[in-house]
């Protein structure tokens, strides 16, 4: 069992790094929207969910970025549990 864990450690660590890079990139792209609309992603998400922002195409892209961050973060947490 020990050898199998050692064999899996490197690929799991690599995938964790990929997740980290993906989250960083998506957060960077969210900051562009935060600057453009002068609102944090957290406040944007709440307003978007309430339907108070309108249906501008950029808002749907921003929401997709936030969902991507959540998804990659979940994957990273799962990998961390396997690795540590």
PDB file of N, CA and C in Angstrom:
ATOM      1  N   UNK A   1       0.815  -1.192   0.000  1.00  0.00           N
ATOM      2  CA  UNK A   1       0.000   0.000   0.000  1.00  0.00           C
ATOM      3  C   UNK A   1       0.859   1.257   0.000  1.00  0.00           C
ATOM      4  N   UNK A   2       1.975   1.222   0.710  1.00  0.00           N
ATOM      5  CA  UNK A   2       2.852   2.373   0.801  1.00  0.00           C
ATOM      6  C   UNK A   2       3.372   2.773  -0.573  1.00  0.00           C
ATOM      7  N   UNK A   3       3.814   1.794  -1.392  1.00  0.00           N
ATOM      8  CA  UNK A   3       4.307   2.102  -2.735  1.00  0.00           C
ATOM      9  C   UNK A   3       3.239   2.752  -3.588  1.00  0.00           C
ATOM     10  N   UNK A   4       2.018   2.267  -3.479  1.00  0.00           N
ATOM     11  CA  UNK A   4       0.929   2.834  -4.261  1.00  0.00           C
ATOM     12  C   UNK A   4       0.699   4.297  -3.869  1.00  0.00           C
ATOM     13  N   UNK A   5       0.752   4.598  -2.571  1.00  0.00           N
ATOM     14  CA  UNK A   5       0.590   5.975  -2.113  1.00  0.00           C
ATOM     15  C   UNK A   5       1.699   6.873  -2.639  1.00  0.00           C
ATOM     16  N   UNK A   6       2.933   6.360  -2.642  1.00  0.00           N
ATOM     17  CA  UNK A   6       4.063   7.133  -3.158  1.00  0.00           C
ATOM     18  C   UNK A   6       3.893   7.362  -4.655  1.00  0.00           C
ATOM     19  N   UNK A   7       3.445   6.355  -5.388  1.00  0.00           N
ATOM     20  CA  UNK A   7       3.236   6.478  -6.824  1.00  0.00           C
ATOM     21  C   UNK A   7       2.162   7.509  -7.143  1.00  0.00           C
ATOM     22  N   UNK A   8       1.166   7.617  -6.295  1.00  0.00           N
ATOM     23  CA  UNK A   8       0.064   8.555  -6.544  1.00  0.00           C
ATOM     24  C   UNK A   8       0.353   9.965  -6.054  1.00  0.00           C
ATOM     25  N   UNK A   9       1.301  10.124  -5.158  1.00  0.00           N
ATOM     26  CA  UNK A   9       1.567  11.430  -4.559  1.00  0.00           C
ATOM     27  C   UNK A   9       1.936  12.480  -5.597  1.00  0.00           C
ATOM     28  N   UNK A  10       2.821  12.139  -6.513  1.00  0.00           N
ATOM     29  CA  UNK A  10       3.273  13.113  -7.505  1.00  0.00           C
ATOM     30  C   UNK A  10       2.146  13.553  -8.446  1.00  0.00           C
ATOM     31  N   UNK A  11       1.399  12.620  -9.043  1.00  0.00           N
ATOM     32  CA  UNK A  11       0.315  13.066  -9.931  1.00  0.00           C
ATOM     33  C   UNK A  11      -0.773  13.849  -9.188  1.00  0.00           C
ATOM     34  N   UNK A  12      -1.055  13.480  -7.956  1.00  0.00           N
ATOM     35  CA  UNK A  12      -2.060  14.213  -7.184  1.00  0.00           C
ATOM     36  C   UNK A  12      -1.560  15.621  -6.895  1.00  0.00           C
ATOM     37  N   UNK A  13      -0.308  15.755  -6.515  1.00  0.00           N
ATOM     38  CA  UNK A  13       0.273  17.072  -6.256  1.00  0.00           C
ATOM     39  C   UNK A  13       0.250  17.922  -7.524  1.00  0.00           C
ATOM     40  N   UNK A  14       0.531  17.304  -8.662  1.00  0.00           N
ATOM     41  CA  UNK A  14       0.495  18.027  -9.943  1.00  0.00           C
ATOM     42  C   UNK A  14      -0.923  18.523 -10.247  1.00  0.00           C
ATOM     43  N   UNK A  15      -1.901  17.684 -10.006  1.00  0.00           N
ATOM     44  CA  UNK A  15      -3.287  18.081 -10.253  1.00  0.00           C
ATOM     45  C   UNK A  15      -3.734  19.181  -9.284  1.00  0.00           C
ATOM     46  N   UNK A  16      -3.245  19.117  -8.051  1.00  0.00           N
ATOM     47  CA  UNK A  16      -3.527  20.198  -7.101  1.00  0.00           C
ATOM     48  C   UNK A  16      -2.972  21.523  -7.626  1.00  0.00           C
ATOM     49  N   UNK A  17      -1.769  21.470  -8.191  1.00  0.00           N
ATOM     50  CA  UNK A  17      -1.153  22.674  -8.746  1.00  0.00           C
ATOM     51  C   UNK A  17      -1.967  23.210  -9.931  1.00  0.00           C
ATOM     52  N   UNK A  18      -2.471  22.313 -10.764  1.00  0.00           N
ATOM     53  CA  UNK A  18      -3.315  22.727 -11.889  1.00  0.00           C
ATOM     54  C   UNK A  18      -4.572  23.429 -11.367  1.00  0.00           C
ATOM     55  N   UNK A  19      -5.180  22.864 -10.342  1.00  0.00           N
ATOM     56  CA  UNK A  19      -6.368  23.473  -9.737  1.00  0.00           C
ATOM     57  C   UNK A  19      -6.046  24.862  -9.200  1.00  0.00           C
ATOM     58  N   UNK A  20      -4.909  24.976  -8.529  1.00  0.00           N
ATOM     59  CA  UNK A  20      -4.495  26.260  -7.965  1.00  0.00           C
ATOM     60  C   UNK A  20      -4.330  27.305  -9.080  1.00  0.00           C
ATOM     61  N   UNK A  21      -3.668  26.922 -10.165  1.00  0.00           N
ATOM     62  CA  UNK A  21      -3.483  27.838 -11.293  1.00  0.00           C
ATOM     63  C   UNK A  21      -4.816  28.235 -11.928  1.00  0.00           C
ATOM     64  N   UNK A  22      -5.711  27.275 -12.065  1.00  0.00           N
ATOM     65  CA  UNK A  22      -7.027  27.562 -12.646  1.00  0.00           C
ATOM     66  C   UNK A  22      -7.793  28.549 -11.783  1.00  0.00           C
ATOM     67  N   UNK A  23      -7.797  28.335 -10.480  1.00  0.00           N
ATOM     68  CA  UNK A  23      -8.496  29.247  -9.565  1.00  0.00           C
ATOM     69  C   UNK A  23      -7.879  30.640  -9.646  1.00  0.00           C
ATOM     70  N   UNK A  24      -6.555  30.718  -9.645  1.00  0.00           N
ATOM     71  CA  UNK A  24      -5.888  32.021  -9.731  1.00  0.00           C
ATOM     72  C   UNK A  24      -6.272  32.758 -11.008  1.00  0.00           C
ATOM     73  N   UNK A  25      -6.285  32.045 -12.127  1.00  0.00           N
ATOM     74  CA  UNK A  25      -6.635  32.675 -13.407  1.00  0.00           C
ATOM     75  C   UNK A  25      -8.084  33.161 -13.410  1.00  0.00           C
ATOM     76  N   UNK A  26      -8.987  32.344 -12.905  1.00  0.00           N
ATOM     77  CA  UNK A  26     -10.398  32.745 -12.874  1.00  0.00           C
ATOM     78  C   UNK A  26     -10.613  33.931 -11.936  1.00  0.00           C
ATOM     79  N   UNK A  27      -9.914  33.959 -10.812  1.00  0.00           N
ATOM     80  CA  UNK A  27     -10.021  35.098  -9.893  1.00  0.00           C
ATOM     81  C   UNK A  27      -9.490  36.371 -10.554  1.00  0.00           C
ATOM     82  N   UNK A  28      -8.412  36.237 -11.289  1.00  0.00           N
ATOM     83  CA  UNK A  28      -7.857  37.381 -12.015  1.00  0.00           C
ATOM     84  C   UNK A  28      -8.884  37.933 -13.006  1.00  0.00           C
ATOM     85  N   UNK A  29      -9.542  37.040 -13.721  1.00  0.00           N
ATOM     86  CA  UNK A  29     -10.559  37.474 -14.684  1.00  0.00           C
ATOM     87  C   UNK A  29     -11.757  38.106 -13.975  1.00  0.00           C
ATOM     88  N   UNK A  30     -12.094  37.620 -12.773  1.00  0.00           N
ATOM     89  CA  UNK A  30     -13.182  38.221 -11.998  1.00  0.00           C
ATOM     90  C   UNK A  30     -12.825  39.640 -11.563  1.00  0.00           C
ATOM     91  N   UNK A  31     -11.554  39.859 -11.228  1.00  0.00           N
ATOM     92  CA  UNK A  31     -11.137  41.199 -10.803  1.00  0.00           C
ATOM     93  C   UNK A  31     -11.349  42.233 -11.911  1.00  0.00           C
ATOM     94  N   UNK A  32     -11.235  41.796 -13.157  1.00  0.00           N
ATOM     95  CA  UNK A  32     -11.508  42.695 -14.282  1.00  0.00           C
ATOM     96  C   UNK A  32     -12.955  43.173 -14.228  1.00  0.00           C
ATOM     97  N   UNK A  33     -13.878  42.266 -13.967  1.00  0.00           N
ATOM     98  CA  UNK A  33     -15.291  42.631 -13.843  1.00  0.00           C
ATOM     99  C   UNK A  33     -15.525  43.495 -12.603  1.00  0.00           C
ATOM    100  N   UNK A  34     -14.854  43.167 -11.516  1.00  0.00           N
ATOM    101  CA  UNK A  34     -15.018  43.953 -10.284  1.00  0.00           C
ATOM    102  C   UNK A  34     -14.612  45.411 -10.523  1.00  0.00           C
ATOM    103  N   UNK A  35     -13.515  45.605 -11.239  1.00  0.00           N
ATOM    104  CA  UNK A  35     -13.073  46.977 -11.542  1.00  0.00           C
ATOM    105  C   UNK A  35     -14.043  47.667 -12.498  1.00  0.00           C
ATOM    106  N   UNK A  36     -14.509  46.941 -13.503  1.00  0.00           N
ATOM    107  CA  UNK A  36     -15.405  47.542 -14.501  1.00  0.00           C
ATOM    108  C   UNK A  36     -16.734  47.970 -13.883  1.00  0.00           C
ATOM    109  N   UNK A  37     -17.284  47.141 -12.987  1.00  0.00           N
ATOM    110  CA  UNK A  37     -18.613  47.405 -12.437  1.00  0.00           C
ATOM    111  C   UNK A  37     -18.581  47.944 -11.002  1.00  0.00           C
ATOM    112  N   UNK A  38     -17.385  48.108 -10.447  1.00  0.00           N
ATOM    113  CA  UNK A  38     -17.222  48.691  -9.104  1.00  0.00           C
ATOM    114  C   UNK A  38     -18.035  47.945  -8.044  1.00  0.00           C
ATOM    115  N   UNK A  39     -17.924  46.629  -8.067  1.00  0.00           N
ATOM    116  CA  UNK A  39     -18.630  45.784  -7.104  1.00  0.00           C
ATOM    117  C   UNK A  39     -17.805  44.508  -6.905  1.00  0.00           C
ATOM    118  N   UNK A  40     -17.789  43.991  -5.690  1.00  0.00           N
ATOM    119  CA  UNK A  40     -17.059  42.747  -5.432  1.00  0.00           C
ATOM    120  C   UNK A  40     -17.793  41.566  -6.074  1.00  0.00           C
ATOM    121  N   UNK A  41     -17.059  40.515  -6.312  1.00  0.00           N
ATOM    122  CA  UNK A  41     -17.677  39.313  -6.884  1.00  0.00           C
ATOM    123  C   UNK A  41     -18.735  38.745  -5.945  1.00  0.00           C
ATOM    124  N   UNK A  42     -18.501  38.847  -4.648  1.00  0.00           N
ATOM    125  CA  UNK A  42     -19.470  38.350  -3.672  1.00  0.00           C
ATOM    126  C   UNK A  42     -20.786  39.126  -3.772  1.00  0.00           C
ATOM    127  N   UNK A  43     -20.693  40.442  -3.778  1.00  0.00           N
ATOM    128  CA  UNK A  43     -21.909  41.264  -3.895  1.00  0.00           C
ATOM    129  C   UNK A  43     -22.574  41.065  -5.255  1.00  0.00           C
ATOM    130  N   UNK A  44     -21.763  40.949  -6.300  1.00  0.00           N
ATOM    131  CA  UNK A  44     -22.310  40.699  -7.628  1.00  0.00           C
ATOM    132  C   UNK A  44     -23.118  39.406  -7.629  1.00  0.00           C
ATOM    133  N   UNK A  45     -22.537  38.342  -7.062  1.00  0.00           N
ATOM    134  CA  UNK A  45     -23.198  37.041  -7.076  1.00  0.00           C
ATOM    135  C   UNK A  45     -24.556  37.096  -6.380  1.00  0.00           C
ATOM    136  N   UNK A  46     -24.601  37.763  -5.247  1.00  0.00           N
ATOM    137  CA  UNK A  46     -25.873  37.893  -4.520  1.00  0.00           C
ATOM    138  C   UNK A  46     -26.893  38.669  -5.342  1.00  0.00           C
ATOM    139  N   UNK A  47     -26.472  39.778  -5.944  1.00  0.00           N
ATOM    140  CA  UNK A  47     -27.387  40.578  -6.758  1.00  0.00           C
ATOM    141  C   UNK A  47     -27.820  39.812  -8.007  1.00  0.00           C
ATOM    142  N   UNK A  48     -26.901  39.072  -8.606  1.00  0.00           N
ATOM    143  CA  UNK A  48     -27.225  38.283  -9.798  1.00  0.00           C
ATOM    144  C   UNK A  48     -28.279  37.237  -9.469  1.00  0.00           C
ATOM    145  N   UNK A  49     -28.089  36.556  -8.331  1.00  0.00           N
ATOM    146  CA  UNK A  49     -29.043  35.523  -7.912  1.00  0.00           C
ATOM    147  C   UNK A  49     -30.429  36.104  -7.644  1.00  0.00           C
ATOM    148  N   UNK A  50     -30.473  37.337  -7.143  1.00  0.00           N
ATOM    149  CA  UNK A  50     -31.756  38.001  -6.887  1.00  0.00           C
ATOM    150  C   UNK A  50     -32.394  38.517  -8.171  1.00  0.00           C
ATOM    151  N   UNK A  51     -31.606  38.602  -9.246  1.00  0.00           N
ATOM    152  CA  UNK A  51     -32.124  39.094 -10.516  1.00  0.00           C
ATOM    153  C   UNK A  51     -32.205  40.604 -10.598  1.00  0.00           C
ATOM    154  N   UNK A  52     -31.416  41.300  -9.803  1.00  0.00           N
ATOM    155  CA  UNK A  52     -31.508  42.762  -9.763  1.00  0.00           C
ATOM    156  C   UNK A  52     -30.513  43.472 -10.683  1.00  0.00           C
ATOM    157  N   UNK A  53     -29.719  42.728 -11.437  1.00  0.00           N
ATOM    158  CA  UNK A  53     -28.679  43.351 -12.259  1.00  0.00           C
ATOM    159  C   UNK A  53     -29.045  43.492 -13.724  1.00  0.00           C
ATOM    160  N   UNK A  54     -30.000  42.779 -14.182  1.00  0.00           N
ATOM    161  CA  UNK A  54     -30.300  42.789 -15.608  1.00  0.00           C
ATOM    162  C   UNK A  54     -29.701  41.561 -16.273  1.00  0.00           C
ATOM    163  N   UNK A  55     -29.736  41.567 -17.592  1.00  0.00           N
ATOM    164  CA  UNK A  55     -29.299  40.371 -18.328  1.00  0.00           C
ATOM    165  C   UNK A  55     -28.134  40.654 -19.269  1.00  0.00           C
ATOM    166  N   UNK A  56     -27.262  41.548 -18.852  1.00  0.00           N
ATOM    167  CA  UNK A  56     -26.083  41.862 -19.652  1.00  0.00           C
ATOM    168  C   UNK A  56     -25.237  40.597 -19.825  1.00  0.00           C
ATOM    169  N   UNK A  57     -24.762  40.369 -21.026  1.00  0.00           N
ATOM    170  CA  UNK A  57     -23.990  39.158 -21.330  1.00  0.00           C
ATOM    171  C   UNK A  57     -22.772  39.020 -20.409  1.00  0.00           C
ATOM    172  N   UNK A  58     -22.132  40.121 -20.072  1.00  0.00           N
ATOM    173  CA  UNK A  58     -20.951  40.088 -19.209  1.00  0.00           C
ATOM    174  C   UNK A  58     -21.282  39.498 -17.842  1.00  0.00           C
ATOM    175  N   UNK A  59     -22.493  39.724 -17.354  1.00  0.00           N
ATOM    176  CA  UNK A  59     -22.872  39.203 -16.045  1.00  0.00           C
ATOM    177  C   UNK A  59     -22.923  37.676 -16.055  1.00  0.00           C
ATOM    178  N   UNK A  60     -23.349  37.111 -17.167  1.00  0.00           N
ATOM    179  CA  UNK A  60     -23.399  35.647 -17.268  1.00  0.00           C
ATOM    180  C   UNK A  60     -21.985  35.068 -17.346  1.00  0.00           C
ATOM    181  N   UNK A  61     -21.086  35.785 -18.015  1.00  0.00           N
ATOM    182  CA  UNK A  61     -19.684  35.346 -18.061  1.00  0.00           C
ATOM    183  C   UNK A  61     -19.066  35.413 -16.669  1.00  0.00           C
ATOM    184  N   UNK A  62     -19.337  36.513 -15.961  1.00  0.00           N
ATOM    185  CA  UNK A  62     -18.810  36.671 -14.609  1.00  0.00           C
ATOM    186  C   UNK A  62     -19.322  35.561 -13.702  1.00  0.00           C
ATOM    187  N   UNK A  63     -20.609  35.269 -13.789  1.00  0.00           N
ATOM    188  CA  UNK A  63     -21.205  34.196 -12.978  1.00  0.00           C
ATOM    189  C   UNK A  63     -20.556  32.853 -13.309  1.00  0.00           C
ATOM    190  N   UNK A  64     -20.298  32.603 -14.585  1.00  0.00           N
ATOM    191  CA  UNK A  64     -19.647  31.350 -14.989  1.00  0.00           C
ATOM    192  C   UNK A  64     -18.236  31.261 -14.407  1.00  0.00           C
ATOM    193  N   UNK A  65     -17.528  32.382 -14.374  1.00  0.00           N
ATOM    194  CA  UNK A  65     -16.199  32.396 -13.764  1.00  0.00           C
ATOM    195  C   UNK A  65     -16.276  32.023 -12.289  1.00  0.00           C
ATOM    196  N   UNK A  66     -17.244  32.576 -11.584  1.00  0.00           N
ATOM    197  CA  UNK A  66     -17.415  32.278 -10.165  1.00  0.00           C
ATOM    198  C   UNK A  66     -17.764  30.806  -9.950  1.00  0.00           C
ATOM    199  N   UNK A  67     -18.585  30.260 -10.818  1.00  0.00           N
ATOM    200  CA  UNK A  67     -18.914  28.838 -10.722  1.00  0.00           C
ATOM    201  C   UNK A  67     -17.680  27.983 -11.003  1.00  0.00           C
ATOM    202  N   UNK A  68     -16.843  28.427 -11.933  1.00  0.00           N
ATOM    203  CA  UNK A  68     -15.595  27.724 -12.221  1.00  0.00           C
ATOM    204  C   UNK A  68     -14.667  27.726 -11.013  1.00  0.00           C
ATOM    205  N   UNK A  69     -14.572  28.873 -10.338  1.00  0.00           N
ATOM    206  CA  UNK A  69     -13.753  28.960  -9.130  1.00  0.00           C
ATOM    207  C   UNK A  69     -14.252  27.970  -8.088  1.00  0.00           C
ATOM    208  N   UNK A  70     -15.552  27.933  -7.888  1.00  0.00           N
ATOM    209  CA  UNK A  70     -16.129  27.011  -6.901  1.00  0.00           C
ATOM    210  C   UNK A  70     -15.843  25.559  -7.272  1.00  0.00           C
ATOM    211  N   UNK A  71     -15.974  25.234  -8.540  1.00  0.00           N
ATOM    212  CA  UNK A  71     -15.753  23.865  -9.000  1.00  0.00           C
ATOM    213  C   UNK A  71     -14.291  23.448  -8.844  1.00  0.00           C
ATOM    214  N   UNK A  72     -13.369  24.268  -9.316  1.00  0.00           N
ATOM    215  CA  UNK A  72     -11.947  23.959  -9.192  1.00  0.00           C
ATOM    216  C   UNK A  72     -11.539  23.881  -7.719  1.00  0.00           C
ATOM    217  N   UNK A  73     -12.116  24.725  -6.884  1.00  0.00           N
ATOM    218  CA  UNK A  73     -11.798  24.715  -5.455  1.00  0.00           C
ATOM    219  C   UNK A  73     -12.258  23.411  -4.803  1.00  0.00           C
ATOM    220  N   UNK A  74     -13.440  22.923  -5.195  1.00  0.00           N
ATOM    221  CA  UNK A  74     -13.932  21.646  -4.669  1.00  0.00           C
ATOM    222  C   UNK A  74     -12.999  20.499  -5.073  1.00  0.00           C
ATOM    223  N   UNK A  75     -12.577  20.515  -6.324  1.00  0.00           N
ATOM    224  CA  UNK A  75     -11.671  19.472  -6.809  1.00  0.00           C
ATOM    225  C   UNK A  75     -10.355  19.526  -6.040  1.00  0.00           C
ATOM    226  N   UNK A  76      -9.840  20.730  -5.849  1.00  0.00           N
ATOM    227  CA  UNK A  76      -8.575  20.883  -5.120  1.00  0.00           C
ATOM    228  C   UNK A  76      -8.692  20.354  -3.691  1.00  0.00           C
ATOM    229  N   UNK A  77      -9.809  20.661  -3.025  1.00  0.00           N
ATOM    230  CA  UNK A  77     -10.018  20.155  -1.660  1.00  0.00           C
ATOM    231  C   UNK A  77     -10.059  18.628  -1.643  1.00  0.00           C
ATOM    232  N   UNK A  78     -10.723  18.040  -2.614  1.00  0.00           N
ATOM    233  CA  UNK A  78     -10.800  16.578  -2.694  1.00  0.00           C
ATOM    234  C   UNK A  78      -9.424  15.964  -2.918  1.00  0.00           C
ATOM    235  N   UNK A  79      -8.642  16.569  -3.796  1.00  0.00           N
ATOM    236  CA  UNK A  79      -7.296  16.067  -4.046  1.00  0.00           C
ATOM    237  C   UNK A  79      -6.420  16.207  -2.808  1.00  0.00           C
ATOM    238  N   UNK A  80      -6.585  17.319  -2.106  1.00  0.00           N
ATOM    239  CA  UNK A  80      -5.790  17.541  -0.897  1.00  0.00           C
ATOM    240  C   UNK A  80      -6.071  16.442   0.133  1.00  0.00           C
ATOM    241  N   UNK A  81      -7.336  16.029   0.234  1.00  0.00           N
ATOM    242  CA  UNK A  81      -7.685  14.944   1.163  1.00  0.00           C
ATOM    243  C   UNK A  81      -6.990  13.643   0.772  1.00  0.00           C
ATOM    244  N   UNK A  82      -6.865  13.384  -0.509  1.00  0.00           N
ATOM    245  CA  UNK A  82      -6.193  12.175  -0.985  1.00  0.00           C
ATOM    246  C   UNK A  82      -4.694  12.231  -0.735  1.00  0.00           C
ATOM    247  N   UNK A  83      -4.154  13.413  -0.869  1.00  0.00           N
ATOM    248  CA  UNK A  83      -2.696  13.602  -0.839  1.00  0.00           C
ATOM    249  C   UNK A  83      -2.163  13.700   0.579  1.00  0.00           C
ATOM    250  N   UNK A  84      -2.953  14.193   1.494  1.00  0.00           N
ATOM    251  CA  UNK A  84      -2.444  14.456   2.860  1.00  0.00           C
ATOM    252  C   UNK A  84      -3.071  13.564   3.890  1.00  0.00           C
TER     253      UNK A  84
END
